[in-house]
Amino acid sequence: MTQTTERPAVNLTQKGRGVVADRTFWIISLVSGLLVLAVLALILFTTLREAWPALSYSGTDFFTSSTWVPNDPDGDGPLGPQFGALAFIYGTVVVSLISLIFAVPISIGIALFLTELAPRRLRAAAVTVIDLLASVPSVVFGLWGIIVVGPALVKVFSWFHHVFGGVPVIGSVVGEPASSGRTFTTAGIIVAIMIVPIITSITREIFATVPESEKHAAFALGATRWEMIRGAVFPHSFGGMVGAIMLGLGRAMGETIAVSLTIGAATQIVPNIFASGNALPAVIVQNWGDPGVPPGRSALIACGVVLFAITIIINYAARIVVRRAEIRMKGAAA
């Protein structure tokens, strides 16, 4: 005698609802992704359209010249207004690099401390302080920079110049500091303080996703805590760390008020990081109220387009680096 088992009846209504829900979710996700791309394309199109008069007026000199004269001194001189943004591009890159040099090691160190060493009570308090630091307005950092940090750093800059000023190459980098303390380095330090919470928060979350089994396996093989971090935490978190650094870099490159108050507003390209300079977002906010004769306002918008393009290029390069690193890691694991 054979015993037959009855299969449970399939609820066609619930199955149909599940298919509809999955299809709806897929459509919403697709539209959301396309909407982001559409917004970026619209921003690029509109800003490029507004910037085109200045770009066509200056030609390649806009990218290769460091002469920025928005007003013709004589009114009808032979040269007329000149718009060369190379000095501002240089200042943006220098300030961003200085900020990353200071912020990245500190942020990774704080994230490692919070995930690997800090007691639970101290961890909660530290996370709260980091979140509060991220909410401070940039103008407050800028005022603090010109009132407190800048004047205090003049003595430090002078010491570096006195000690290393005679060394070839290094001496040109740590040259005579600006007496006001408003320099590339001052702006870089202020921006570094501003991006530390961003990089720290994201890196801490990435470190928290490392499987405990991989950490215990490293300890079981006799690894020290640092060897465990270097062999288990960093490889697993490399892509996330690069993403966090890129977000911090984007904030550093786009910072306006704090950089404008602390960089010195000097249009020049010098190797001396203790000298005054200027940056793309800073020159926009400094001159937007009085952009000069046409196409002065268009030239300021063109500076924004250049900054937008630099950010896209850097993020794309970072994705290439992460992809190659992941391929190497997979190859080593195989």
Protein backbone atom coordinates (compact mmCIF):
# COMPACT_ATOMS: atom_id res chain seq x y z
CA MET A 1 0.00 0.00 0.00
CA THR A 2 1.56 3.22 -1.10
CA GLN A 3 1.15 6.38 0.91
CA THR A 4 0.74 9.58 -1.02
CA THR A 5 1.59 12.99 0.35
CA GLU A 6 -0.45 15.97 -0.59
CA ARG A 7 1.41 19.07 -1.71
CA PRO A 8 0.34 22.29 -0.04
CA ALA A 9 -1.82 24.40 -2.25
CA VAL A 10 -0.04 27.36 -3.76
CA ASN A 11 -1.69 30.64 -2.99
CA LEU A 12 -1.73 32.17 -6.46
CA THR A 13 -2.94 35.48 -5.08
CA GLN A 14 0.07 35.85 -2.78
CA LYS A 15 2.43 34.75 -5.54
CA GLY A 16 1.00 37.31 -7.89
CA ARG A 17 1.35 40.02 -5.26
CA GLY A 18 4.98 39.04 -4.72
CA VAL A 19 5.74 39.28 -8.43
CA VAL A 20 4.09 42.69 -8.62
CA ALA A 21 5.98 43.89 -5.55
CA ASP A 22 9.32 42.71 -6.96
CA ARG A 23 8.57 44.35 -10.30
CA THR A 24 7.55 47.60 -8.61
CA PHE A 25 10.69 47.63 -6.48
CA TRP A 26 12.85 47.03 -9.56
CA ILE A 27 11.19 49.91 -11.43
CA ILE A 28 11.54 52.30 -8.47
CA SER A 29 15.22 51.40 -8.08
CA LEU A 30 15.86 51.88 -11.80
CA VAL A 31 14.10 55.24 -11.87
CA SER A 32 15.98 56.41 -8.78
CA GLY A 33 19.33 55.48 -10.31
CA LEU A 34 18.49 57.15 -13.61
CA LEU A 35 17.24 60.22 -11.73
CA VAL A 36 20.64 60.68 -10.08
CA LEU A 37 22.37 60.47 -13.45
CA ALA A 38 19.85 62.88 -14.94
CA VAL A 39 20.42 65.43 -12.18
CA LEU A 40 24.20 65.23 -12.64
CA ALA A 41 23.84 65.61 -16.40
CA LEU A 42 21.49 68.57 -15.93
CA ILE A 43 23.93 70.26 -13.55
CA LEU A 44 26.78 69.76 -16.00
CA PHE A 45 24.73 70.99 -18.97
CA THR A 46 23.38 74.14 -17.33
CA THR A 47 26.67 75.18 -15.71
CA LEU A 48 28.60 74.49 -18.90
CA ARG A 49 26.11 76.56 -20.89
CA GLU A 50 26.50 79.48 -18.48
CA ALA A 51 30.29 79.11 -18.46
CA TRP A 52 30.67 78.89 -22.23
CA PRO A 53 31.01 82.67 -22.86
CA ALA A 54 34.07 82.82 -20.59
CA LEU A 55 35.57 79.62 -21.97
CA SER A 56 35.16 80.81 -25.56
CA TYR A 57 36.50 84.25 -24.62
CA SER A 58 39.64 82.98 -22.86
CA GLY A 59 40.19 79.78 -24.81
CA THR A 60 42.94 77.54 -23.50
CA ASP A 61 44.32 80.44 -21.45
CA PHE A 62 41.58 79.76 -18.93
CA PHE A 63 43.36 76.50 -18.00
CA THR A 64 46.98 77.46 -18.70
CA SER A 65 47.20 81.04 -17.41
CA SER A 66 47.29 82.29 -13.82
CA THR A 67 46.33 85.88 -14.67
CA TRP A 68 42.93 86.81 -13.30
CA VAL A 69 41.97 90.42 -14.06
CA PRO A 70 38.15 90.66 -14.10
CA ASN A 71 38.20 94.44 -14.67
CA ASP A 72 40.11 96.29 -17.39
CA PRO A 73 42.04 99.00 -15.51
CA ASP A 74 41.91 101.43 -18.44
CA GLY A 75 38.39 100.68 -19.48
CA ASP A 76 39.30 99.94 -23.09
CA GLY A 77 42.82 98.53 -22.89
CA PRO A 78 44.21 96.27 -25.59
CA LEU A 79 44.00 93.18 -23.44
CA GLY A 80 40.72 93.72 -21.67
CA PRO A 81 39.70 91.43 -18.80
CA GLN A 82 41.73 88.24 -18.42
CA PHE A 83 40.54 85.02 -16.86
CA GLY A 84 43.16 82.39 -16.09
CA ALA A 85 42.18 79.83 -13.44
CA LEU A 86 45.40 77.83 -13.26
CA ALA A 87 46.44 79.41 -9.94
CA PHE A 88 43.07 78.54 -8.43
CA ILE A 89 43.26 74.96 -9.69
CA TYR A 90 46.72 74.70 -8.17
CA GLY A 91 45.52 76.09 -4.84
CA THR A 92 42.57 73.70 -4.74
CA VAL A 93 44.83 70.70 -5.33
CA VAL A 94 47.43 71.83 -2.77
CA VAL A 95 44.89 72.52 -0.02
CA SER A 96 43.12 69.21 -0.68
CA LEU A 97 46.37 67.22 -0.55
CA ILE A 98 47.46 68.92 2.67
CA SER A 99 44.09 68.19 4.25
CA LEU A 100 44.28 64.52 3.26
CA ILE A 101 47.83 64.19 4.60
CA PHE A 102 46.61 65.33 8.01
CA ALA A 103 43.11 63.85 8.03
CA VAL A 104 43.53 60.32 6.64
CA PRO A 105 45.98 58.89 9.23
CA ILE A 106 44.06 60.53 12.09
CA SER A 107 40.70 59.30 10.81
CA ILE A 108 41.89 55.72 10.27
CA GLY A 109 43.55 55.73 13.67
CA ILE A 110 40.37 56.92 15.39
CA ALA A 111 38.28 54.36 13.50
CA LEU A 112 40.64 51.53 14.49
CA PHE A 113 40.62 52.67 18.11
CA LEU A 114 36.83 52.78 18.23
CA THR A 115 36.37 49.36 16.63
CA GLU A 116 39.29 47.41 18.10
CA LEU A 117 40.39 48.98 21.39
CA ALA A 118 37.91 51.42 22.91
CA PRO A 119 35.63 50.30 25.77
CA ARG A 120 31.93 50.42 25.00
CA ARG A 121 31.20 53.52 27.13
CA LEU A 122 34.13 55.47 25.70
CA ARG A 123 33.16 54.37 22.20
CA ALA A 124 29.67 55.86 22.50
CA ALA A 125 31.01 59.16 23.84
CA ALA A 126 33.65 59.40 21.11
CA VAL A 127 31.10 58.73 18.36
CA THR A 128 28.89 61.49 19.78
CA VAL A 129 31.77 63.97 19.77
CA ILE A 130 32.68 63.07 16.19
CA ASP A 131 29.09 63.58 15.07
CA LEU A 132 28.97 66.96 16.82
CA LEU A 133 32.22 67.99 15.13
CA ALA A 134 30.69 67.17 11.75
CA SER A 135 27.73 69.47 12.46
CA VAL A 136 29.79 72.61 13.19
CA PRO A 137 29.22 75.22 10.43
CA SER A 138 32.17 75.86 8.15
CA VAL A 139 32.13 79.59 8.86
CA VAL A 140 32.90 78.83 12.50
CA PHE A 141 35.96 76.83 11.45
CA GLY A 142 36.98 79.66 9.16
CA LEU A 143 36.71 82.32 11.86
CA TRP A 144 38.59 80.09 14.29
CA GLY A 145 41.24 79.63 11.63
CA ILE A 146 41.91 83.34 11.04
CA ILE A 147 41.58 84.37 14.69
CA VAL A 148 43.36 81.53 16.51
CA VAL A 149 44.98 78.92 14.26
CA GLY A 150 46.55 81.19 11.64
CA PRO A 151 48.41 83.54 14.02
CA ALA A 152 49.50 80.60 16.18
CA LEU A 153 50.92 78.72 13.20
CA VAL A 154 53.10 81.62 12.03
CA LYS A 155 55.72 80.72 14.66
CA VAL A 156 55.58 77.07 13.64
CA PHE A 157 55.98 77.96 9.98
CA SER A 158 58.89 80.27 10.82
CA TRP A 159 60.62 77.46 12.73
CA PHE A 160 60.28 75.08 9.79
CA HIS A 161 61.61 77.74 7.45
CA HIS A 162 64.55 78.49 9.77
CA VAL A 163 65.49 74.82 10.16
CA PHE A 164 64.85 73.46 6.66
CA GLY A 165 64.99 76.62 4.55
CA GLY A 166 68.54 75.93 3.41
CA VAL A 167 67.86 72.35 2.32
CA PRO A 168 67.55 71.96 -1.47
CA VAL A 169 64.00 71.35 -2.72
CA ILE A 170 62.60 71.18 0.82
CA GLY A 171 63.64 74.78 1.38
CA SER A 172 61.43 75.93 -1.49
CA VAL A 173 58.47 74.02 -0.06
CA VAL A 174 58.82 75.49 3.45
CA GLY A 175 59.68 79.02 2.38
CA GLU A 176 59.11 82.34 4.08
CA PRO A 177 55.66 82.19 5.72
CA ALA A 178 53.00 84.83 5.21
CA SER A 179 52.88 87.18 8.19
CA SER A 180 49.09 86.94 8.43
CA GLY A 181 49.13 83.15 8.83
CA ARG A 182 46.60 82.83 5.99
CA THR A 183 48.34 80.21 3.86
CA PHE A 184 47.83 77.00 1.90
CA THR A 185 48.80 74.99 4.99
CA THR A 186 46.47 76.87 7.32
CA ALA A 187 43.56 76.26 4.97
CA GLY A 188 44.59 72.62 4.61
CA ILE A 189 44.69 72.06 8.37
CA ILE A 190 41.28 73.68 8.88
CA VAL A 191 39.77 71.58 6.09
CA ALA A 192 41.43 68.47 7.54
CA ILE A 193 39.66 69.07 10.85
CA MET A 194 36.40 69.41 8.93
CA ILE A 195 36.72 66.16 6.98
CA VAL A 196 38.00 64.00 9.85
CA PRO A 197 34.45 63.23 11.08
CA ILE A 198 33.34 62.20 7.58
CA ILE A 199 36.22 59.82 6.94
CA THR A 200 36.16 58.49 10.51
CA SER A 201 32.44 57.70 10.57
CA ILE A 202 32.45 55.83 7.26
CA THR A 203 35.72 54.01 7.97
CA ARG A 204 34.46 52.94 11.40
CA GLU A 205 31.35 51.43 9.83
CA ILE A 206 33.49 49.61 7.25
CA PHE A 207 35.82 48.21 9.91
CA ALA A 208 32.79 46.97 11.86
CA THR A 209 31.79 44.75 8.91
CA VAL A 210 35.00 42.69 9.04
CA PRO A 211 33.98 39.12 10.02
CA GLU A 212 35.07 38.17 13.53
CA SER A 213 36.07 34.74 12.22
CA GLU A 214 38.84 36.31 10.11
CA LYS A 215 40.16 38.22 13.11
CA HIS A 216 40.11 35.11 15.32
CA ALA A 217 41.81 33.11 12.59
CA ALA A 218 44.64 35.66 12.45
CA PHE A 219 45.05 35.53 16.22
CA ALA A 220 44.99 31.73 16.12
CA LEU A 221 47.92 31.78 13.71
CA GLY A 222 49.92 33.80 16.22
CA ALA A 223 49.43 37.26 14.74
CA THR A 224 49.72 40.32 16.90
CA ARG A 225 46.93 42.87 16.96
CA TRP A 226 48.68 45.05 14.37
CA GLU A 227 49.37 42.02 12.16
CA MET A 228 45.71 41.07 12.45
CA ILE A 229 44.68 44.60 11.40
CA ARG A 230 47.14 44.63 8.52
CA GLY A 231 46.27 41.13 7.31
CA ALA A 232 42.53 40.91 7.99
CA VAL A 233 40.97 44.33 8.56
CA PHE A 234 42.72 46.44 5.91
CA PRO A 235 42.34 44.00 2.96
CA HIS A 236 38.66 43.47 3.73
CA SER A 237 38.03 47.21 4.12
CA PHE A 238 40.21 48.64 1.34
CA GLY A 239 37.39 49.57 -1.01
CA GLY A 240 35.37 51.18 1.77
CA MET A 241 38.36 53.16 3.01
CA VAL A 242 39.03 54.52 -0.46
CA GLY A 243 35.38 55.50 -0.74
CA ALA A 244 35.52 57.29 2.61
CA ILE A 245 38.68 59.13 1.58
CA MET A 246 37.08 60.15 -1.72
CA LEU A 247 34.07 61.57 0.11
CA GLY A 248 36.41 63.51 2.37
CA LEU A 249 38.37 64.71 -0.65
CA GLY A 250 35.16 65.88 -2.31
CA ARG A 251 34.31 67.89 0.80
CA ALA A 252 37.85 69.30 0.92
CA MET A 253 37.85 70.36 -2.72
CA GLY A 254 34.42 71.97 -2.48
CA GLU A 255 34.85 73.77 0.83
CA THR A 256 34.20 77.48 0.33
CA ILE A 257 33.89 79.74 3.36
CA ALA A 258 36.58 78.21 5.58
CA VAL A 259 39.11 78.14 2.73
CA SER A 260 38.21 81.65 1.63
CA LEU A 261 38.87 82.99 5.12
CA THR A 262 42.16 81.16 5.73
CA ILE A 263 43.99 80.83 2.39
CA GLY A 264 44.90 84.49 1.87
CA ALA A 265 43.25 85.27 -1.53
CA ALA A 266 46.52 85.64 -3.46
CA THR A 267 46.53 84.65 -7.14
CA GLN A 268 49.89 82.92 -7.49
CA ILE A 269 51.55 79.56 -8.13
CA VAL A 270 54.45 78.99 -5.73
CA PRO A 271 55.98 75.83 -4.27
CA ASN A 272 55.94 77.44 -0.81
CA ILE A 273 53.09 75.86 1.17
CA PHE A 274 53.45 78.60 3.79
CA ALA A 275 52.51 81.29 1.26
CA SER A 276 49.09 82.75 0.58
CA GLY A 277 47.05 81.54 -2.38
CA ASN A 278 43.52 80.94 -3.55
CA ALA A 279 41.23 78.08 -4.61
CA LEU A 280 38.38 77.56 -7.05
CA PRO A 281 35.46 77.58 -4.57
CA ALA A 282 37.01 80.45 -2.60
CA VAL A 283 37.42 82.71 -5.63
CA ILE A 284 33.79 82.11 -6.58
CA VAL A 285 32.45 83.29 -3.22
CA GLN A 286 34.93 86.17 -3.06
CA ASN A 287 33.98 87.62 -6.45
CA TRP A 288 30.37 86.61 -7.00
CA GLY A 289 29.06 89.93 -5.71
CA ASP A 290 31.40 91.90 -7.99
CA PRO A 291 32.45 89.59 -10.85
CA GLY A 292 33.79 92.42 -13.04
CA VAL A 293 32.96 93.19 -16.62
CA PRO A 294 31.43 90.50 -18.81
CA PRO A 295 32.12 87.63 -19.01
CA GLY A 296 33.23 87.85 -15.35
CA ARG A 297 30.28 86.01 -13.85
CA SER A 298 30.54 83.38 -16.57
CA ALA A 299 34.21 82.90 -15.66
CA LEU A 300 33.25 82.20 -12.05
CA ILE A 301 30.73 79.61 -13.22
CA ALA A 302 33.49 78.11 -15.38
CA CYS A 303 35.58 77.70 -12.22
CA GLY A 304 32.72 75.65 -10.79
CA VAL A 305 32.62 73.52 -13.93
CA VAL A 306 36.36 72.87 -13.65
CA LEU A 307 35.95 71.87 -10.01
CA PHE A 308 33.09 69.54 -10.95
CA ALA A 309 35.20 67.93 -13.68
CA ILE A 310 38.19 67.46 -11.35
CA THR A 311 35.95 65.75 -8.78
CA ILE A 312 34.55 63.35 -11.39
CA ILE A 313 38.02 62.48 -12.68
CA ILE A 314 39.36 61.80 -9.18
CA ASN A 315 36.39 59.60 -8.25
CA TYR A 316 36.71 57.63 -11.49
CA ALA A 317 40.44 57.13 -10.85
CA ALA A 318 39.64 55.93 -7.33
CA ARG A 319 37.19 53.35 -8.69
CA ILE A 320 39.90 52.05 -11.03
CA VAL A 321 42.33 51.73 -8.11
CA VAL A 322 39.76 49.86 -5.99
CA ARG A 323 38.85 47.52 -8.87
CA ARG A 324 42.47 46.61 -9.53
CA ALA A 325 43.13 46.06 -5.85
CA GLU A 326 40.13 43.77 -5.54
CA ILE A 327 41.31 41.76 -8.57
CA ARG A 328 44.76 41.35 -6.99
CA MET A 329 43.22 40.27 -3.69
CA LYS A 330 41.01 37.70 -5.39
CA GLY A 331 43.99 36.38 -7.31
CA ALA A 332 46.04 36.07 -4.14
CA ALA A 333 43.19 34.28 -2.37
CA ALA A 334 42.83 31.81 -5.24
